[in-house]
Amino acid sequence: MDMKLQQVQVLKPQLTQELRQAITLLSYHSAELAEYIDELSLENPLIERKETDTPPLSYHKTNKNRISRQEAGLQLSNLQKTLQDVLKQQSLDMNLSNTEKKIFNYLIHSLDSNGYLEEDVEEAAWRLSVSAEEAEAVLRKLQSLEPAGIGARSLQECILLQLQRLPSRNEQAELLVSEHFDVFAQKNWKALSKETGMPLHTIQDISDKIAALHPRPGLLFASPEHDMYIEPDIFITVKNGHITAELNSRSFPEIELHPQYRPLLSSGACQDTVSYLSTKYQEWRWLSRALRQRKQTITRIVNELTARQSDFFLKGRSAMKPLTLREVADCLGLHESTISRAIKGKTIQTPYGLFEMKMFFSGKAEASGDGDTSNYAVKTHLEALIQQEDKTKPLSDQKLADLLYEQHRIQISRRTVAKYRDQLNIPSSAARKRYK
């Protein structure tokens, strides 16, 4: 076969600098965008952000992992101290010998962030050239310090140490944890009741007490997570059945030419200055256009969302409809990836709370019957049913499926109920059962 060179003209899409910048800005959330503009303004003296007169509105995003007031106080009092610092300070009253101090310092630096001892005691003893008995004795002294459970080598030991430090000891609880921990943790309480002779309601009470203990005592001395405050990008209000969407001006900033440099653009300045300012002016124009395009794109998407999810805004969470990126993209004449970038990290304040924008894109429930029920709506109904159930007789997955059909005409299988329940981190009916 003869080989020859041939020129072929091919059309290939090529991203310009302006288009690349517009795509990047579209995916930025408000904090990233503000930081990006500030960085550019340092390099480009022509860029100046327009100030907004809108007062800041912050919304608290609650922390699901709440702690008790006592634990919070313990965190605050030790905010500037490490776990090791706190343990060393407590050890000053223990009158340790030089050998014990060496072992103690080694052990406290072998604790992980949860306060558990990572290294085997015998291994530690070998490394320090001391006996295992000496190392074990110092470990017991370490485990007597605050917070209770520190220095444990397992979750079982951590809970047992805390139970032993309670003002009123509970021998039955200590027995369950020390001798029947695996069965207890698996909540196989009927077998446990048969094996120990304890009534089911007693085991239930013990479980409640243990649930109030701290499984990771070391975290009490870590820097606490600051409460997160999120400022919505879009505000949705409903008045007299009319839905209104308003953009947060701080999430959609505008820029203007710095007034100090405006005269130089049209004056007879030197050639170098004109060339420099011309380049910076082009950058300013690109950024201004990209910001304007970002605002227009997200506005169009928000308007489409409010139209398609109007039942959600008017009736509540259970009225969420299935909606895909492709549906909105096709309607607006945009690409799916554009919609995906636009909604990334954006939040909407609604009459029912603060939601991520991507939440409004929910798939169709599996075998939902009428074809117009989103899996988000099904999960909302599912949560409500489980919250209202009799905890002494929790609803099985099959019963939940039956009730969803009876009350909401949502037809899904028992398997789908179990799948959605797992996604909501809701345990099975056996694990939810309470004993009187």
Protein backbone atom coordinates (compact mmCIF):
# COMPACT_ATOMS: atom_id res chain seq x y z
CA MET A 1 0.00 0.00 0.00
CA ASP A 2 1.39 3.38 -1.01
CA MET A 3 1.91 5.93 1.74
CA LYS A 4 1.54 9.64 1.08
CA LEU A 5 1.12 12.90 2.96
CA GLN A 6 -2.21 14.61 2.60
CA GLN A 7 -3.64 17.78 4.10
CA VAL A 8 -7.12 17.46 5.55
CA GLN A 9 -9.17 20.35 6.92
CA VAL A 10 -10.90 19.38 10.18
CA LEU A 11 -13.14 21.53 12.40
CA LYS A 12 -12.26 21.02 16.07
CA PRO A 13 -13.78 23.03 18.93
CA GLN A 14 -11.17 25.07 20.76
CA LEU A 15 -11.70 26.81 24.06
CA THR A 16 -10.72 30.46 24.04
CA GLN A 17 -9.36 32.11 27.15
CA GLU A 18 -12.66 33.94 27.62
CA LEU A 19 -14.75 30.77 27.33
CA ARG A 20 -12.42 28.89 29.65
CA GLN A 21 -12.79 31.67 32.23
CA ALA A 22 -16.60 31.66 31.90
CA ILE A 23 -16.74 27.88 32.46
CA THR A 24 -14.50 28.16 35.52
CA LEU A 25 -16.52 30.98 37.09
CA LEU A 26 -19.78 29.11 36.55
CA SER A 27 -18.74 26.32 38.92
CA TYR A 28 -17.44 28.65 41.67
CA HIS A 29 -19.55 29.15 44.78
CA SER A 30 -19.72 32.63 46.31
CA ALA A 31 -16.64 32.34 48.56
CA GLU A 32 -14.47 30.94 45.75
CA LEU A 33 -15.69 33.63 43.37
CA ALA A 34 -14.96 36.45 45.82
CA GLU A 35 -11.46 35.08 46.42
CA TYR A 36 -10.86 34.74 42.66
CA ILE A 37 -11.92 38.34 41.97
CA ASP A 38 -9.76 39.63 44.82
CA GLU A 39 -6.75 37.76 43.45
CA LEU A 40 -7.31 39.16 39.96
CA SER A 41 -7.71 42.69 41.30
CA LEU A 42 -4.25 42.44 42.87
CA GLU A 43 -2.78 41.71 39.44
CA ASN A 44 -5.06 44.03 37.51
CA PRO A 45 -5.45 47.57 38.92
CA LEU A 46 -8.44 48.26 36.62
CA ILE A 47 -10.65 45.69 38.37
CA GLU A 48 -12.75 47.03 41.21
CA ARG A 49 -15.65 45.15 42.74
CA LYS A 50 -18.93 47.01 43.10
CA GLU A 51 -20.00 47.27 46.70
CA THR A 52 -23.46 46.06 47.65
CA ASP A 53 -25.76 47.70 50.14
CA THR A 54 -27.50 44.44 50.99
CA PRO A 55 -26.97 43.54 54.67
CA PRO A 56 -25.34 40.15 55.28
CA LEU A 57 -27.80 37.33 55.91
CA SER A 58 -26.31 34.15 57.34
CA TYR A 59 -28.08 30.90 57.98
CA HIS A 60 -26.90 28.43 60.56
CA LYS A 61 -26.14 24.97 59.32
CA THR A 62 -26.62 22.75 62.36
CA ASN A 63 -24.04 20.19 63.37
CA LYS A 64 -25.55 16.69 63.49
CA ASN A 65 -22.86 15.41 65.85
CA ARG A 66 -23.99 17.32 68.90
CA ILE A 67 -22.19 16.98 72.24
CA SER A 68 -23.32 17.60 75.80
CA ARG A 69 -22.81 20.89 77.61
CA GLN A 70 -20.27 19.24 79.89
CA GLU A 71 -18.27 18.02 76.90
CA ALA A 72 -18.52 21.43 75.23
CA GLY A 73 -17.18 23.08 78.37
CA LEU A 74 -14.35 20.59 78.46
CA GLN A 75 -13.52 21.42 74.85
CA LEU A 76 -13.57 25.16 75.42
CA SER A 77 -11.44 24.97 78.54
CA ASN A 78 -8.79 23.03 76.63
CA LEU A 79 -9.11 24.82 73.29
CA GLN A 80 -5.45 25.87 73.23
CA LYS A 81 -4.07 22.62 74.69
CA THR A 82 -3.35 19.30 73.06
CA LEU A 83 -4.53 16.02 74.53
CA GLN A 84 -0.95 15.28 75.58
CA ASP A 85 -0.63 18.65 77.36
CA VAL A 86 -3.78 18.02 79.35
CA LEU A 87 -2.69 14.50 80.37
CA LYS A 88 0.78 15.71 81.38
CA GLN A 89 -0.76 18.41 83.55
CA GLN A 90 -2.95 15.86 85.31
CA SER A 91 0.00 13.52 85.86
CA LEU A 92 1.77 16.11 88.04
CA ASP A 93 -0.34 14.98 91.00
CA MET A 94 0.52 11.30 90.51
CA ASN A 95 4.12 11.42 91.84
CA LEU A 96 5.49 9.23 89.05
CA SER A 97 9.02 7.87 89.24
CA ASN A 98 11.49 8.64 86.45
CA THR A 99 10.82 5.24 84.86
CA GLU A 100 7.07 5.75 85.12
CA LYS A 101 7.39 9.24 83.58
CA LYS A 102 9.29 7.72 80.65
CA ILE A 103 6.57 5.11 80.12
CA PHE A 104 3.79 7.66 80.63
CA ASN A 105 5.22 10.10 78.06
CA TYR A 106 5.67 7.28 75.56
CA LEU A 107 2.11 6.05 76.03
CA ILE A 108 0.42 9.45 75.72
CA HIS A 109 2.26 10.07 72.46
CA SER A 110 1.01 6.69 71.22
CA LEU A 111 -2.63 7.78 71.53
CA ASP A 112 -4.58 8.45 68.35
CA SER A 113 -6.89 11.43 67.89
CA ASN A 114 -9.76 9.46 69.45
CA GLY A 115 -7.74 8.87 72.62
CA TYR A 116 -7.14 5.15 71.95
CA LEU A 117 -3.76 3.49 72.53
CA GLU A 118 -2.44 2.46 69.13
CA GLU A 119 0.61 0.48 70.26
CA ASP A 120 0.62 -2.87 72.03
CA VAL A 121 1.69 -2.52 75.69
CA GLU A 122 4.22 -5.35 75.41
CA GLU A 123 5.73 -3.73 72.32
CA ALA A 124 5.98 -0.42 74.19
CA ALA A 125 7.63 -2.16 77.13
CA TRP A 126 10.20 -3.78 74.84
CA ARG A 127 11.01 -0.46 73.20
CA LEU A 128 11.47 1.23 76.59
CA SER A 129 13.42 -1.69 78.12
CA VAL A 130 10.94 -2.11 80.96
CA SER A 131 8.73 -5.02 81.99
CA ALA A 132 5.25 -5.48 80.59
CA GLU A 133 3.90 -5.32 84.14
CA GLU A 134 5.44 -1.87 84.66
CA ALA A 135 4.00 -0.59 81.37
CA GLU A 136 0.58 -2.06 82.20
CA ALA A 137 0.61 -0.39 85.62
CA VAL A 138 1.35 3.02 84.11
CA LEU A 139 -1.36 2.48 81.52
CA ARG A 140 -3.87 1.90 84.32
CA LYS A 141 -2.80 5.21 85.87
CA LEU A 142 -3.21 6.90 82.48
CA GLN A 143 -6.69 5.39 82.16
CA SER A 144 -7.65 6.91 85.52
CA LEU A 145 -7.26 10.44 84.14
CA GLU A 146 -9.84 12.67 82.48
CA PRO A 147 -11.69 12.20 80.27
CA ALA A 148 -12.96 8.77 81.25
CA GLY A 149 -12.11 6.16 78.63
CA ILE A 150 -8.77 7.69 77.66
CA GLY A 151 -6.02 5.18 76.88
CA ALA A 152 -8.43 2.38 75.96
CA ARG A 153 -7.29 -0.24 73.48
CA SER A 154 -10.73 -0.93 72.05
CA LEU A 155 -14.27 0.44 72.01
CA GLN A 156 -15.25 -2.26 74.50
CA GLU A 157 -12.56 -1.19 76.97
CA CYS A 158 -13.35 2.49 76.41
CA ILE A 159 -17.03 2.00 77.34
CA LEU A 160 -16.17 -0.23 80.29
CA LEU A 161 -13.74 2.35 81.68
CA GLN A 162 -16.45 4.99 81.50
CA LEU A 163 -19.05 2.75 83.15
CA GLN A 164 -16.63 2.07 86.01
CA ARG A 165 -16.23 5.81 86.59
CA LEU A 166 -19.95 6.61 86.85
CA PRO A 167 -21.07 7.99 90.24
CA SER A 168 -23.44 5.04 90.66
CA ARG A 169 -21.99 1.82 89.29
CA ASN A 170 -24.24 -0.43 87.20
CA GLU A 171 -22.97 -3.99 87.56
CA GLN A 172 -25.37 -5.36 84.95
CA ALA A 173 -24.14 -2.84 82.37
CA GLU A 174 -20.52 -3.68 83.16
CA LEU A 175 -21.31 -7.38 82.84
CA LEU A 176 -22.89 -6.95 79.41
CA VAL A 177 -19.98 -4.89 78.10
CA SER A 178 -17.21 -7.03 79.60
CA GLU A 179 -18.61 -10.50 78.82
CA HIS A 180 -21.26 -10.11 76.10
CA PHE A 181 -20.11 -7.08 74.12
CA ASP A 182 -20.36 -8.52 70.59
CA VAL A 183 -23.91 -9.80 71.07
CA PHE A 184 -24.89 -6.55 72.80
CA ALA A 185 -23.40 -4.40 70.01
CA GLN A 186 -25.29 -6.43 67.39
CA LYS A 187 -28.52 -5.73 69.31
CA ASN A 188 -29.33 -9.43 69.45
CA TRP A 189 -31.10 -8.72 72.69
CA LYS A 190 -33.45 -11.68 72.80
CA ALA A 191 -30.50 -14.06 72.74
CA LEU A 192 -28.74 -11.85 75.28
CA SER A 193 -31.78 -11.87 77.57
CA LYS A 194 -31.97 -15.65 77.35
CA GLU A 195 -28.25 -16.00 78.06
CA THR A 196 -28.05 -13.55 80.98
CA GLY A 197 -31.56 -13.76 82.38
CA MET A 198 -31.95 -9.97 82.16
CA PRO A 199 -35.35 -8.63 81.05
CA LEU A 200 -35.43 -6.96 77.65
CA HIS A 201 -36.42 -3.59 79.14
CA THR A 202 -33.32 -3.73 81.41
CA ILE A 203 -31.07 -4.31 78.41
CA GLN A 204 -32.88 -1.44 76.66
CA ASP A 205 -32.17 0.89 79.62
CA ILE A 206 -28.50 -0.14 79.66
CA SER A 207 -28.26 0.54 75.93
CA ASP A 208 -29.68 4.04 76.47
CA LYS A 209 -27.13 4.74 79.22
CA ILE A 210 -24.24 3.51 77.08
CA ALA A 211 -25.44 5.62 74.14
CA ALA A 212 -24.89 8.70 76.34
CA LEU A 213 -21.19 7.83 76.86
CA HIS A 214 -18.42 9.17 74.62
CA PRO A 215 -16.88 6.52 72.31
CA ARG A 216 -14.02 8.86 71.28
CA PRO A 217 -12.84 10.69 74.42
CA GLY A 218 -9.75 12.13 72.72
CA LEU A 219 -11.91 14.30 70.48
CA LEU A 220 -12.96 16.32 73.52
CA PHE A 221 -9.50 17.87 73.49
CA ALA A 222 -9.32 18.49 69.76
CA SER A 223 -10.10 21.90 68.33
CA PRO A 224 -13.89 21.92 68.08
CA GLU A 225 -15.51 22.40 64.71
CA HIS A 226 -16.82 25.90 64.34
CA ASP A 227 -20.48 26.19 63.54
CA MET A 228 -20.90 26.68 59.85
CA TYR A 229 -22.89 29.63 58.60
CA ILE A 230 -24.01 29.52 55.02
CA GLU A 231 -25.30 32.50 53.10
CA PRO A 232 -27.78 31.38 50.44
CA ASP A 233 -27.12 32.19 46.80
CA ILE A 234 -30.82 32.34 45.95
CA PHE A 235 -33.87 33.26 48.04
CA ILE A 236 -37.24 31.68 47.21
CA THR A 237 -40.32 33.22 48.79
CA VAL A 238 -43.98 32.27 48.45
CA LYS A 239 -46.75 34.81 48.95
CA ASN A 240 -50.41 34.23 48.10
CA GLY A 241 -49.45 31.23 46.00
CA HIS A 242 -46.93 33.23 43.98
CA ILE A 243 -43.30 32.02 43.89
CA THR A 244 -40.57 34.65 43.72
CA ALA A 245 -36.84 34.00 43.20
CA GLU A 246 -34.23 36.58 44.15
CA LEU A 247 -30.47 36.36 43.70
CA ASN A 248 -28.14 37.26 46.56
CA SER A 249 -26.06 40.17 45.26
CA ARG A 250 -22.98 38.99 47.16
CA SER A 251 -23.11 35.64 45.38
CA PHE A 252 -23.33 37.39 42.01
CA PRO A 253 -20.86 40.29 42.26
CA GLU A 254 -20.28 42.87 39.57
CA ILE A 255 -17.09 44.72 38.73
CA GLU A 256 -16.36 48.19 37.39
CA LEU A 257 -13.36 50.06 36.05
CA HIS A 258 -11.26 51.61 38.74
CA PRO A 259 -11.98 55.38 38.45
CA GLN A 260 -8.30 56.27 38.94
CA TYR A 261 -7.27 54.51 35.72
CA ARG A 262 -10.29 55.37 33.55
CA PRO A 263 -8.81 58.70 32.25
CA LEU A 264 -5.54 57.00 31.25
CA LEU A 265 -7.34 54.71 28.81
CA SER A 266 -8.27 57.65 26.58
CA SER A 267 -5.39 60.03 27.35
CA GLY A 268 -2.18 60.43 25.42
CA ALA A 269 -0.05 58.42 27.83
CA CYS A 270 3.24 56.81 26.82
CA GLN A 271 3.15 53.77 24.57
CA ASP A 272 4.17 51.30 27.32
CA THR A 273 1.44 52.55 29.61
CA VAL A 274 -1.18 52.38 26.86
CA SER A 275 -0.10 48.83 25.95
CA TYR A 276 -0.20 47.70 29.59
CA LEU A 277 -3.60 49.27 30.25
CA SER A 278 -4.99 47.89 27.00
CA THR A 279 -4.10 44.34 28.07
CA LYS A 280 -5.56 44.86 31.55
CA TYR A 281 -8.68 46.43 30.09
CA GLN A 282 -9.19 43.35 27.91
CA GLU A 283 -8.92 41.16 31.05
CA TRP A 284 -11.45 43.40 32.79
CA ARG A 285 -13.88 43.06 29.86
CA TRP A 286 -13.52 39.26 29.83
CA LEU A 287 -14.15 39.01 33.57
CA SER A 288 -17.12 41.40 33.43
CA ARG A 289 -18.68 39.43 30.61
CA ALA A 290 -18.05 36.07 32.34
CA LEU A 291 -19.69 37.31 35.55
CA ARG A 292 -22.67 38.59 33.62
CA GLN A 293 -22.99 35.31 31.73
CA ARG A 294 -22.73 33.31 34.99
CA LYS A 295 -25.55 35.35 36.51
CA GLN A 296 -27.77 34.96 33.43
CA THR A 297 -27.21 31.19 33.22
CA ILE A 298 -27.98 30.56 36.89
CA THR A 299 -31.02 32.88 36.71
CA ARG A 300 -32.42 30.84 33.83
CA ILE A 301 -31.84 27.59 35.72
CA VAL A 302 -33.48 28.95 38.88
CA ASN A 303 -36.52 30.12 36.92
CA GLU A 304 -36.83 26.70 35.33
CA LEU A 305 -36.49 25.01 38.73
CA THR A 306 -39.20 27.14 40.34
CA ALA A 307 -41.53 26.32 37.45
CA ARG A 308 -40.87 22.57 37.44
CA GLN A 309 -40.70 22.17 41.23
CA SER A 310 -43.53 24.60 42.05
CA ASP A 311 -45.32 21.91 44.09
CA PHE A 312 -42.30 21.66 46.36
CA PHE A 313 -42.31 25.40 47.10
CA LEU A 314 -46.09 25.53 47.52
CA LYS A 315 -46.79 22.23 49.34
CA GLY A 316 -43.56 21.04 50.94
CA ARG A 317 -40.77 18.49 50.69
CA SER A 318 -42.99 15.50 49.98
CA ALA A 319 -44.13 17.16 46.72
CA MET A 320 -40.68 17.01 45.11
CA LYS A 321 -40.93 15.78 41.52
CA PRO A 322 -38.36 13.77 39.56
CA LEU A 323 -36.11 16.05 37.53
CA THR A 324 -32.92 15.37 35.58
CA LEU A 325 -30.12 17.62 34.38
CA ARG A 326 -30.91 16.61 30.81
CA GLU A 327 -34.53 17.81 31.05
CA VAL A 328 -33.47 21.28 32.19
CA ALA A 329 -30.54 21.37 29.74
CA ASP A 330 -32.78 20.49 26.78
CA CYS A 331 -35.36 23.07 27.78
CA LEU A 332 -32.77 25.86 28.12
CA GLY A 333 -30.68 24.85 25.12
CA LEU A 334 -27.62 24.18 27.28
CA HIS A 335 -25.35 21.19 27.82
CA GLU A 336 -25.82 18.93 30.84
CA SER A 337 -22.29 19.72 32.00
CA THR A 338 -23.19 23.43 32.02
CA ILE A 339 -26.15 22.77 34.33
CA SER A 340 -23.98 20.57 36.53
CA ARG A 341 -21.31 23.28 36.88
CA ALA A 342 -23.89 25.99 37.49
CA ILE A 343 -25.60 24.23 40.42
CA LYS A 344 -22.37 23.00 42.03
CA GLY A 345 -22.02 24.38 45.57
CA LYS A 346 -24.98 26.75 45.21
CA THR A 347 -27.67 26.96 47.90
CA ILE A 348 -31.31 28.02 47.91
CA GLN A 349 -33.21 29.40 50.90
CA THR A 350 -36.81 28.16 50.74
CA PRO A 351 -39.81 28.43 53.09
CA TYR A 352 -38.85 24.91 54.26
CA GLY A 353 -35.19 25.56 54.97
CA LEU A 354 -31.85 25.85 53.23
CA PHE A 355 -31.10 23.33 50.47
CA GLU A 356 -28.29 22.65 48.05
CA MET A 357 -29.38 23.42 44.51
CA LYS A 358 -28.48 19.92 43.32
CA MET A 359 -31.09 18.49 45.71
CA PHE A 360 -33.86 19.67 43.36
CA PHE A 361 -32.57 17.24 40.74
CA SER A 362 -33.97 13.99 42.09
CA GLY A 363 -34.40 10.75 40.21
CA LYS A 364 -37.70 8.94 39.75
CA ALA A 365 -38.57 6.52 42.54
CA GLU A 366 -38.04 2.90 41.58
CA ALA A 367 -41.35 1.36 40.46
CA SER A 368 -43.27 4.32 41.90
CA GLY A 369 -46.37 3.52 39.87
CA ASP A 370 -47.54 6.92 38.70
CA GLY A 371 -44.13 7.86 37.31
CA ASP A 372 -44.25 11.33 38.85
CA THR A 373 -42.77 10.67 42.29
CA SER A 374 -39.14 11.47 43.07
CA ASN A 375 -37.03 9.28 45.32
CA TYR A 376 -36.56 12.38 47.51
CA ALA A 377 -40.33 12.60 48.06
CA VAL A 378 -40.53 8.87 48.84
CA LYS A 379 -37.71 9.21 51.40
CA THR A 380 -39.54 12.15 52.99
CA HIS A 381 -42.71 10.05 53.38
CA LEU A 382 -40.61 7.13 54.63
CA GLU A 383 -38.97 9.25 57.34
CA ALA A 384 -42.37 10.55 58.45
CA LEU A 385 -43.81 7.04 58.76
CA ILE A 386 -40.87 5.83 60.84
CA GLN A 387 -40.98 8.89 63.10
CA GLN A 388 -44.67 8.25 63.82
CA GLU A 389 -44.39 4.48 64.38
CA ASP A 390 -44.88 2.73 67.71
CA LYS A 391 -41.28 2.09 68.76
CA THR A 392 -42.32 -1.02 70.69
CA LYS A 393 -43.74 -2.40 67.42
CA PRO A 394 -41.65 -0.81 64.63
CA LEU A 395 -42.84 -1.11 61.07
CA SER A 396 -41.22 -3.74 58.88
CA ASP A 397 -39.97 -2.80 55.41
CA GLN A 398 -42.94 -4.62 53.85
CA LYS A 399 -45.38 -2.77 56.11
CA LEU A 400 -43.73 0.53 55.19
CA ALA A 401 -44.11 -0.32 51.50
CA ASP A 402 -47.81 -1.13 52.08
CA LEU A 403 -48.40 2.15 53.94
CA LEU A 404 -46.67 4.18 51.24
CA TYR A 405 -49.14 2.77 48.73
CA GLU A 406 -52.20 3.09 51.00
CA GLN A 407 -51.49 6.68 52.07
CA HIS A 408 -49.68 8.16 49.06
CA ARG A 409 -50.30 5.73 46.18
CA ILE A 410 -46.55 5.17 45.93
CA GLN A 411 -45.88 1.61 44.84
CA ILE A 412 -42.37 0.41 45.62
CA SER A 413 -40.99 -2.95 46.66
CA ARG A 414 -39.82 -3.99 50.12
CA ARG A 415 -36.27 -4.10 48.74
CA THR A 416 -36.51 -0.48 47.59
CA VAL A 417 -37.78 0.55 51.03
CA ALA A 418 -34.74 -1.15 52.59
CA LYS A 419 -32.44 0.58 50.10
CA TYR A 420 -33.90 4.05 50.81
CA ARG A 421 -33.87 3.35 54.56
CA ASP A 422 -30.16 2.50 54.39
CA GLN A 423 -29.48 5.70 52.44
CA LEU A 424 -31.24 7.64 55.21
CA ASN A 425 -29.10 5.83 57.83
CA ILE A 426 -32.23 4.44 59.49
CA PRO A 427 -31.71 1.00 61.10
CA SER A 428 -33.93 -2.01 60.49
CA SER A 429 -37.13 -2.59 62.46
CA ALA A 430 -35.33 -5.06 64.75
CA ALA A 431 -32.69 -2.45 65.60
CA ARG A 432 -35.35 0.27 66.10
CA LYS A 433 -37.43 -1.81 68.52
CA ARG A 434 -37.80 -0.48 72.04
CA TYR A 435 -38.67 -2.66 75.04
CA LYS A 436 -40.84 -1.53 77.91
